[in-house]
Amino acid sequence: MQKLKQFKAKHPFTSLMLIAIAVRILAVIFVPGFGSNHDIQQPSLVQALQEWLKAKIGMGDSQGMMFLSRAFYAAISLFTVSMVYRICDLLANDKAKAWNIALIPTVCVIMPSFGIIDNVSFFLGLPLLLYGSNVVLRQQVLRGAHMDEKVHRTSYFIAGLMLGLSVCIWYQSAFLVLAILLMLCVKRDYKGALITLIGFILILAVVWVPLLIFKGNICNYFPPFPQ
């Protein structure tokens, strides 16, 4: 136990991810079902790609597809755990506190059918939202520490892209994106807010313009798609 505590103290992020991976291996093997209690509530690129892959590899509703689906959700949730840890570390500037807080999604955000989030769109959009938030927060921390030379404006653009993708998958995250933009304006980081907004609008245009061309059938992103 002493060695485990020492390893955790020296490598908090690694130890956290090892716990998360172990929990997810158990869940993938033993939890029944495909990894979600119901279909995705709204059309998304992820849903279309998943259905296209199922049709191409011919697995359908087989046991192989079941494990593939579980593994997909488990891998996505690892990214969520990682982002929660990094955001908490930035806010608290304390790796021990960040570790304790991030332990919650480690055991509670695993799959839509096994955890505290059962909305699949929310589950898939959350990592992108957290990533964009983490990038913006890191730039604000650097700016607050008067390290302006290390603040990269392109990071705001990347954050905007990630936030836009989160909205494409989970529409309700648009309210949180608006809150982030308002926060940047309150902090008087108008350039950062503008660059983030540009990245956000650009990715929406890239996703939704083809969607309009395909007359609203998002599955046509991956032709030929069996109707």
C-alpha atoms as a PDB file:
ATOM      1  CA  MET A   1       0.000   0.000   0.000  1.00  0.00           C
ATOM      2  CA  GLN A   2       2.871   2.345   0.775  1.00  0.00           C
ATOM      3  CA  LYS A   3       4.362   1.749  -2.665  1.00  0.00           C
ATOM      4  CA  LEU A   4       0.974   2.378  -4.279  1.00  0.00           C
ATOM      5  CA  LYS A   5       0.642   5.662  -2.388  1.00  0.00           C
ATOM      6  CA  GLN A   6       4.122   6.672  -3.478  1.00  0.00           C
ATOM      7  CA  PHE A   7       3.331   5.821  -7.088  1.00  0.00           C
ATOM      8  CA  LYS A   8       0.126   7.876  -6.894  1.00  0.00           C
ATOM      9  CA  ALA A   9       2.012  10.840  -5.421  1.00  0.00           C
ATOM     10  CA  LYS A  10       4.702  10.710  -8.114  1.00  0.00           C
ATOM     11  CA  HIS A  11       2.428   9.878 -11.034  1.00  0.00           C
ATOM     12  CA  PRO A  12      -1.108  11.073 -10.203  1.00  0.00           C
ATOM     13  CA  PHE A  13      -2.382  11.195 -13.781  1.00  0.00           C
ATOM     14  CA  THR A  14      -0.931   7.788 -14.709  1.00  0.00           C
ATOM     15  CA  SER A  15      -2.351   6.142 -11.593  1.00  0.00           C
ATOM     16  CA  LEU A  16      -5.761   7.684 -12.256  1.00  0.00           C
ATOM     17  CA  MET A  17      -5.834   6.428 -15.840  1.00  0.00           C
ATOM     18  CA  LEU A  18      -4.728   2.936 -14.787  1.00  0.00           C
ATOM     19  CA  ILE A  19      -7.685   2.770 -12.403  1.00  0.00           C
ATOM     20  CA  ALA A  20      -9.987   4.049 -15.144  1.00  0.00           C
ATOM     21  CA  ILE A  21      -8.727   1.454 -17.637  1.00  0.00           C
ATOM     22  CA  ALA A  22      -9.132  -1.385 -15.122  1.00  0.00           C
ATOM     23  CA  VAL A  23     -12.712  -0.348 -14.338  1.00  0.00           C
ATOM     24  CA  ARG A  24     -13.552  -0.152 -18.029  1.00  0.00           C
ATOM     25  CA  ILE A  25     -12.084  -3.535 -18.846  1.00  0.00           C
ATOM     26  CA  LEU A  26     -14.358  -5.058 -16.216  1.00  0.00           C
ATOM     27  CA  ALA A  27     -17.338  -3.118 -17.557  1.00  0.00           C
ATOM     28  CA  VAL A  28     -16.701  -4.084 -21.192  1.00  0.00           C
ATOM     29  CA  ILE A  29     -16.493  -7.766 -20.268  1.00  0.00           C
ATOM     30  CA  PHE A  30     -19.270  -8.107 -17.695  1.00  0.00           C
ATOM     31  CA  VAL A  31     -21.874  -5.360 -18.270  1.00  0.00           C
ATOM     32  CA  PRO A  32     -24.793  -6.605 -20.406  1.00  0.00           C
ATOM     33  CA  GLY A  33     -26.027  -4.746 -23.463  1.00  0.00           C
ATOM     34  CA  PHE A  34     -24.372  -2.726 -26.185  1.00  0.00           C
ATOM     35  CA  GLY A  35     -23.287   0.092 -23.911  1.00  0.00           C
ATOM     36  CA  SER A  36     -26.333   2.315 -24.290  1.00  0.00           C
ATOM     37  CA  ASN A  37     -29.878   1.963 -23.008  1.00  0.00           C
ATOM     38  CA  HIS A  38     -31.441   3.429 -26.110  1.00  0.00           C
ATOM     39  CA  ASP A  39     -30.606   4.866 -29.491  1.00  0.00           C
ATOM     40  CA  ILE A  40     -28.904   8.220 -29.805  1.00  0.00           C
ATOM     41  CA  GLN A  41     -31.600  10.820 -29.232  1.00  0.00           C
ATOM     42  CA  GLN A  42     -30.628  13.038 -32.133  1.00  0.00           C
ATOM     43  CA  PRO A  43     -28.888  12.450 -35.492  1.00  0.00           C
ATOM     44  CA  SER A  44     -25.125  12.799 -35.343  1.00  0.00           C
ATOM     45  CA  LEU A  45     -22.034  12.070 -37.387  1.00  0.00           C
ATOM     46  CA  VAL A  46     -21.041   9.469 -34.832  1.00  0.00           C
ATOM     47  CA  GLN A  47     -24.317   7.593 -35.230  1.00  0.00           C
ATOM     48  CA  ALA A  48     -24.036   7.637 -39.019  1.00  0.00           C
ATOM     49  CA  LEU A  49     -20.444   6.400 -38.914  1.00  0.00           C
ATOM     50  CA  GLN A  50     -21.339   3.639 -36.477  1.00  0.00           C
ATOM     51  CA  GLU A  51     -24.186   2.382 -38.637  1.00  0.00           C
ATOM     52  CA  TRP A  52     -22.017   2.590 -41.747  1.00  0.00           C
ATOM     53  CA  LEU A  53     -19.274   0.537 -40.081  1.00  0.00           C
ATOM     54  CA  LYS A  54     -21.804  -2.046 -38.914  1.00  0.00           C
ATOM     55  CA  ALA A  55     -23.058  -2.431 -42.475  1.00  0.00           C
ATOM     56  CA  LYS A  56     -19.550  -2.598 -43.966  1.00  0.00           C
ATOM     57  CA  ILE A  57     -18.006  -5.121 -41.605  1.00  0.00           C
ATOM     58  CA  GLY A  58     -21.170  -7.183 -41.485  1.00  0.00           C
ATOM     59  CA  MET A  59     -21.234  -7.550 -37.722  1.00  0.00           C
ATOM     60  CA  GLY A  60     -24.709  -6.124 -37.189  1.00  0.00           C
ATOM     61  CA  ASP A  61     -26.004  -7.037 -33.727  1.00  0.00           C
ATOM     62  CA  SER A  62     -23.476  -9.820 -33.184  1.00  0.00           C
ATOM     63  CA  GLN A  63     -21.472 -10.335 -30.020  1.00  0.00           C
ATOM     64  CA  GLY A  64     -18.422  -8.853 -31.754  1.00  0.00           C
ATOM     65  CA  MET A  65     -20.306  -5.631 -32.442  1.00  0.00           C
ATOM     66  CA  MET A  66     -21.494  -5.606 -28.839  1.00  0.00           C
ATOM     67  CA  PHE A  67     -17.931  -5.635 -27.499  1.00  0.00           C
ATOM     68  CA  LEU A  68     -16.841  -3.111 -30.120  1.00  0.00           C
ATOM     69  CA  SER A  69     -19.623  -0.758 -29.044  1.00  0.00           C
ATOM     70  CA  ARG A  70     -18.740  -1.133 -25.356  1.00  0.00           C
ATOM     71  CA  ALA A  71     -15.042  -0.560 -26.060  1.00  0.00           C
ATOM     72  CA  PHE A  72     -15.858   2.552 -28.087  1.00  0.00           C
ATOM     73  CA  TYR A  73     -17.860   4.126 -25.252  1.00  0.00           C
ATOM     74  CA  ALA A  74     -15.245   3.101 -22.669  1.00  0.00           C
ATOM     75  CA  ALA A  75     -12.448   4.715 -24.704  1.00  0.00           C
ATOM     76  CA  ILE A  76     -14.436   7.946 -25.064  1.00  0.00           C
ATOM     77  CA  SER A  77     -14.997   8.039 -21.319  1.00  0.00           C
ATOM     78  CA  LEU A  78     -11.230   7.801 -20.703  1.00  0.00           C
ATOM     79  CA  PHE A  79     -10.865  11.115 -22.499  1.00  0.00           C
ATOM     80  CA  THR A  80     -13.566  12.585 -20.266  1.00  0.00           C
ATOM     81  CA  VAL A  81     -11.665  11.475 -17.156  1.00  0.00           C
ATOM     82  CA  SER A  82      -8.455  12.975 -18.525  1.00  0.00           C
ATOM     83  CA  MET A  83     -10.079  16.349 -19.220  1.00  0.00           C
ATOM     84  CA  VAL A  84     -11.763  16.495 -15.808  1.00  0.00           C
ATOM     85  CA  TYR A  85      -8.382  15.914 -14.148  1.00  0.00           C
ATOM     86  CA  ARG A  86      -6.623  18.560 -16.215  1.00  0.00           C
ATOM     87  CA  ILE A  87      -9.337  21.175 -15.678  1.00  0.00           C
ATOM     88  CA  CYS A  88      -9.386  20.558 -11.919  1.00  0.00           C
ATOM     89  CA  ASP A  89      -5.594  20.740 -11.817  1.00  0.00           C
ATOM     90  CA  LEU A  90      -5.686  24.125 -13.535  1.00  0.00           C
ATOM     91  CA  LEU A  91      -8.412  25.474 -11.248  1.00  0.00           C
ATOM     92  CA  ALA A  92      -7.056  24.162  -7.942  1.00  0.00           C
ATOM     93  CA  ASN A  93      -3.346  24.031  -8.822  1.00  0.00           C
ATOM     94  CA  ASP A  94      -3.284  20.951  -6.627  1.00  0.00           C
ATOM     95  CA  LYS A  95      -2.758  17.533  -8.200  1.00  0.00           C
ATOM     96  CA  ALA A  96      -4.052  15.672  -5.137  1.00  0.00           C
ATOM     97  CA  LYS A  97      -7.361  17.550  -5.199  1.00  0.00           C
ATOM     98  CA  ALA A  98      -7.590  17.129  -8.963  1.00  0.00           C
ATOM     99  CA  TRP A  99      -7.015  13.375  -8.546  1.00  0.00           C
ATOM    100  CA  ASN A 100      -9.777  13.052  -5.942  1.00  0.00           C
ATOM    101  CA  ILE A 101     -12.308  14.955  -8.062  1.00  0.00           C
ATOM    102  CA  ALA A 102     -11.401  13.130 -11.279  1.00  0.00           C
ATOM    103  CA  LEU A 103     -11.896   9.826  -9.480  1.00  0.00           C
ATOM    104  CA  ILE A 104     -15.660  10.457  -9.680  1.00  0.00           C
ATOM    105  CA  PRO A 105     -15.955  10.189 -13.493  1.00  0.00           C
ATOM    106  CA  THR A 106     -13.422   7.358 -13.342  1.00  0.00           C
ATOM    107  CA  VAL A 107     -16.032   5.117 -11.705  1.00  0.00           C
ATOM    108  CA  CYS A 108     -19.252   6.904 -12.733  1.00  0.00           C
ATOM    109  CA  VAL A 109     -18.801   7.826 -16.409  1.00  0.00           C
ATOM    110  CA  ILE A 110     -18.075   4.575 -18.217  1.00  0.00           C
ATOM    111  CA  MET A 111     -20.902   3.809 -20.665  1.00  0.00           C
ATOM    112  CA  PRO A 112     -24.346   5.291 -21.248  1.00  0.00           C
ATOM    113  CA  SER A 113     -25.828   2.096 -19.818  1.00  0.00           C
ATOM    114  CA  PHE A 114     -23.425   1.882 -16.908  1.00  0.00           C
ATOM    115  CA  GLY A 115     -22.905   5.195 -15.152  1.00  0.00           C
ATOM    116  CA  ILE A 116     -24.534   8.508 -14.360  1.00  0.00           C
ATOM    117  CA  ILE A 117     -24.969   9.709 -17.971  1.00  0.00           C
ATOM    118  CA  ASP A 118     -27.554   7.786 -20.001  1.00  0.00           C
ATOM    119  CA  ASN A 119     -27.991  10.343 -22.794  1.00  0.00           C
ATOM    120  CA  VAL A 120     -25.719   9.096 -25.575  1.00  0.00           C
ATOM    121  CA  SER A 121     -25.419  12.459 -27.314  1.00  0.00           C
ATOM    122  CA  PHE A 122     -24.407  14.049 -24.002  1.00  0.00           C
ATOM    123  CA  PHE A 123     -21.940  11.219 -23.357  1.00  0.00           C
ATOM    124  CA  LEU A 124     -20.234  11.661 -26.759  1.00  0.00           C
ATOM    125  CA  GLY A 125     -20.313  15.456 -26.839  1.00  0.00           C
ATOM    126  CA  LEU A 126     -18.987  15.983 -23.316  1.00  0.00           C
ATOM    127  CA  PRO A 127     -15.298  15.137 -24.038  1.00  0.00           C
ATOM    128  CA  LEU A 128     -15.183  17.683 -26.854  1.00  0.00           C
ATOM    129  CA  LEU A 129     -16.794  20.326 -24.667  1.00  0.00           C
ATOM    130  CA  LEU A 130     -14.333  19.609 -21.856  1.00  0.00           C
ATOM    131  CA  TYR A 131     -11.366  19.712 -24.228  1.00  0.00           C
ATOM    132  CA  GLY A 132     -12.381  23.094 -25.626  1.00  0.00           C
ATOM    133  CA  SER A 133     -12.984  24.399 -22.102  1.00  0.00           C
ATOM    134  CA  ASN A 134      -9.584  23.119 -20.971  1.00  0.00           C
ATOM    135  CA  VAL A 135      -7.808  24.907 -23.817  1.00  0.00           C
ATOM    136  CA  VAL A 136      -9.577  28.205 -23.064  1.00  0.00           C
ATOM    137  CA  LEU A 137      -8.939  27.867 -19.334  1.00  0.00           C
ATOM    138  CA  ARG A 138      -5.238  27.152 -19.841  1.00  0.00           C
ATOM    139  CA  GLN A 139      -4.861  30.297 -21.943  1.00  0.00           C
ATOM    140  CA  GLN A 140      -6.633  32.316 -19.262  1.00  0.00           C
ATOM    141  CA  VAL A 141      -4.309  30.939 -16.577  1.00  0.00           C
ATOM    142  CA  LEU A 142      -1.284  31.907 -18.651  1.00  0.00           C
ATOM    143  CA  ARG A 143      -2.783  35.334 -19.286  1.00  0.00           C
ATOM    144  CA  GLY A 144      -3.545  35.825 -15.591  1.00  0.00           C
ATOM    145  CA  ALA A 145       0.043  34.936 -14.733  1.00  0.00           C
ATOM    146  CA  HIS A 146       1.213  37.697 -17.113  1.00  0.00           C
ATOM    147  CA  MET A 147       2.792  35.149 -19.405  1.00  0.00           C
ATOM    148  CA  ASP A 148       1.320  36.734 -22.530  1.00  0.00           C
ATOM    149  CA  GLU A 149       4.173  35.497 -24.694  1.00  0.00           C
ATOM    150  CA  LYS A 150       2.998  31.927 -24.044  1.00  0.00           C
ATOM    151  CA  VAL A 151      -0.628  32.621 -24.932  1.00  0.00           C
ATOM    152  CA  HIS A 152      -1.209  31.230 -28.402  1.00  0.00           C
ATOM    153  CA  ARG A 153      -4.161  32.679 -30.253  1.00  0.00           C
ATOM    154  CA  THR A 154      -4.349  29.545 -32.389  1.00  0.00           C
ATOM    155  CA  SER A 155      -5.278  27.663 -29.213  1.00  0.00           C
ATOM    156  CA  TYR A 156      -8.502  29.658 -29.055  1.00  0.00           C
ATOM    157  CA  PHE A 157      -9.222  28.654 -32.644  1.00  0.00           C
ATOM    158  CA  ILE A 158      -8.703  24.973 -31.799  1.00  0.00           C
ATOM    159  CA  ALA A 159     -10.960  25.423 -28.754  1.00  0.00           C
ATOM    160  CA  GLY A 160     -13.637  26.889 -31.013  1.00  0.00           C
ATOM    161  CA  LEU A 161     -13.412  23.889 -33.336  1.00  0.00           C
ATOM    162  CA  MET A 162     -13.802  21.434 -30.451  1.00  0.00           C
ATOM    163  CA  LEU A 163     -16.694  23.390 -28.945  1.00  0.00           C
ATOM    164  CA  GLY A 164     -18.394  23.491 -32.334  1.00  0.00           C
ATOM    165  CA  LEU A 165     -18.037  19.731 -32.737  1.00  0.00           C
ATOM    166  CA  SER A 166     -19.549  19.238 -29.288  1.00  0.00           C
ATOM    167  CA  VAL A 167     -22.604  21.207 -30.399  1.00  0.00           C
ATOM    168  CA  CYS A 168     -22.868  19.111 -33.579  1.00  0.00           C
ATOM    169  CA  ILE A 169     -23.153  15.987 -31.412  1.00  0.00           C
ATOM    170  CA  TRP A 170     -24.907  17.372 -28.330  1.00  0.00           C
ATOM    171  CA  TYR A 171     -26.986  20.429 -29.260  1.00  0.00           C
ATOM    172  CA  GLN A 172     -27.597  21.544 -25.675  1.00  0.00           C
ATOM    173  CA  SER A 173     -23.887  22.240 -25.175  1.00  0.00           C
ATOM    174  CA  ALA A 174     -24.467  25.445 -27.164  1.00  0.00           C
ATOM    175  CA  PHE A 175     -25.623  27.064 -23.914  1.00  0.00           C
ATOM    176  CA  LEU A 176     -22.311  26.197 -22.256  1.00  0.00           C
ATOM    177  CA  VAL A 177     -20.363  27.450 -25.266  1.00  0.00           C
ATOM    178  CA  LEU A 178     -22.223  30.750 -24.975  1.00  0.00           C
ATOM    179  CA  ALA A 179     -21.226  30.909 -21.306  1.00  0.00           C
ATOM    180  CA  ILE A 180     -17.559  30.393 -22.241  1.00  0.00           C
ATOM    181  CA  LEU A 181     -17.702  33.203 -24.801  1.00  0.00           C
ATOM    182  CA  LEU A 182     -19.366  35.496 -22.279  1.00  0.00           C
ATOM    183  CA  MET A 183     -16.687  34.639 -19.731  1.00  0.00           C
ATOM    184  CA  LEU A 184     -13.967  35.638 -22.183  1.00  0.00           C
ATOM    185  CA  CYS A 185     -15.727  38.943 -22.818  1.00  0.00           C
ATOM    186  CA  VAL A 186     -16.076  39.607 -19.080  1.00  0.00           C
ATOM    187  CA  LYS A 187     -12.335  38.922 -18.759  1.00  0.00           C
ATOM    188  CA  ARG A 188     -11.857  41.475 -21.558  1.00  0.00           C
ATOM    189  CA  ASP A 189     -10.152  38.907 -23.737  1.00  0.00           C
ATOM    190  CA  TYR A 190     -12.052  40.064 -26.783  1.00  0.00           C
ATOM    191  CA  LYS A 191      -9.523  38.688 -29.274  1.00  0.00           C
ATOM    192  CA  GLY A 192      -9.673  35.273 -27.660  1.00  0.00           C
ATOM    193  CA  ALA A 193     -13.471  35.343 -27.716  1.00  0.00           C
ATOM    194  CA  LEU A 194     -13.499  36.389 -31.379  1.00  0.00           C
ATOM    195  CA  ILE A 195     -11.023  33.706 -32.468  1.00  0.00           C
ATOM    196  CA  THR A 196     -12.944  31.066 -30.510  1.00  0.00           C
ATOM    197  CA  LEU A 197     -16.174  32.196 -32.158  1.00  0.00           C
ATOM    198  CA  ILE A 198     -14.562  32.029 -35.612  1.00  0.00           C
ATOM    199  CA  GLY A 199     -13.444  28.422 -35.041  1.00  0.00           C
ATOM    200  CA  PHE A 200     -16.892  27.588 -33.663  1.00  0.00           C
ATOM    201  CA  ILE A 201     -18.734  29.037 -36.673  1.00  0.00           C
ATOM    202  CA  LEU A 202     -16.301  27.450 -39.132  1.00  0.00           C
ATOM    203  CA  ILE A 203     -16.810  23.904 -37.876  1.00  0.00           C
ATOM    204  CA  LEU A 204     -20.582  24.392 -37.787  1.00  0.00           C
ATOM    205  CA  ALA A 205     -20.446  25.486 -41.419  1.00  0.00           C
ATOM    206  CA  VAL A 206     -18.307  22.486 -42.373  1.00  0.00           C
ATOM    207  CA  VAL A 207     -20.792  20.099 -40.748  1.00  0.00           C
ATOM    208  CA  TRP A 208     -24.151  21.717 -41.448  1.00  0.00           C
ATOM    209  CA  VAL A 209     -23.671  22.992 -45.010  1.00  0.00           C
ATOM    210  CA  PRO A 210     -23.158  19.444 -46.363  1.00  0.00           C
ATOM    211  CA  LEU A 211     -26.060  18.378 -44.180  1.00  0.00           C
ATOM    212  CA  LEU A 212     -28.313  20.879 -45.931  1.00  0.00           C
ATOM    213  CA  ILE A 213     -26.983  19.740 -49.302  1.00  0.00           C
ATOM    214  CA  PHE A 214     -27.868  16.155 -48.400  1.00  0.00           C
ATOM    215  CA  LYS A 215     -31.377  17.356 -47.507  1.00  0.00           C
ATOM    216  CA  GLY A 216     -31.049  16.634 -43.829  1.00  0.00           C
ATOM    217  CA  ASN A 217     -30.051  12.983 -44.149  1.00  0.00           C
ATOM    218  CA  ILE A 218     -26.840  12.907 -42.153  1.00  0.00           C
ATOM    219  CA  CYS A 219     -26.272   9.270 -43.047  1.00  0.00           C
ATOM    220  CA  ASN A 220     -25.364  10.401 -46.570  1.00  0.00           C
ATOM    221  CA  TYR A 221     -22.065  11.661 -45.215  1.00  0.00           C
ATOM    222  CA  PHE A 222     -20.889   8.089 -45.638  1.00  0.00           C
ATOM    223  CA  PRO A 223     -22.232   6.804 -48.967  1.00  0.00           C
ATOM    224  CA  PRO A 224     -23.265   4.250 -49.962  1.00  0.00           C
ATOM    225  CA  PHE A 225     -25.486   3.939 -46.911  1.00  0.00           C
ATOM    226  CA  PRO A 226     -28.174   1.224 -46.973  1.00  0.00           C
ATOM    227  CA  GLN A 227     -31.603   2.762 -46.574  1.00  0.00           C
END
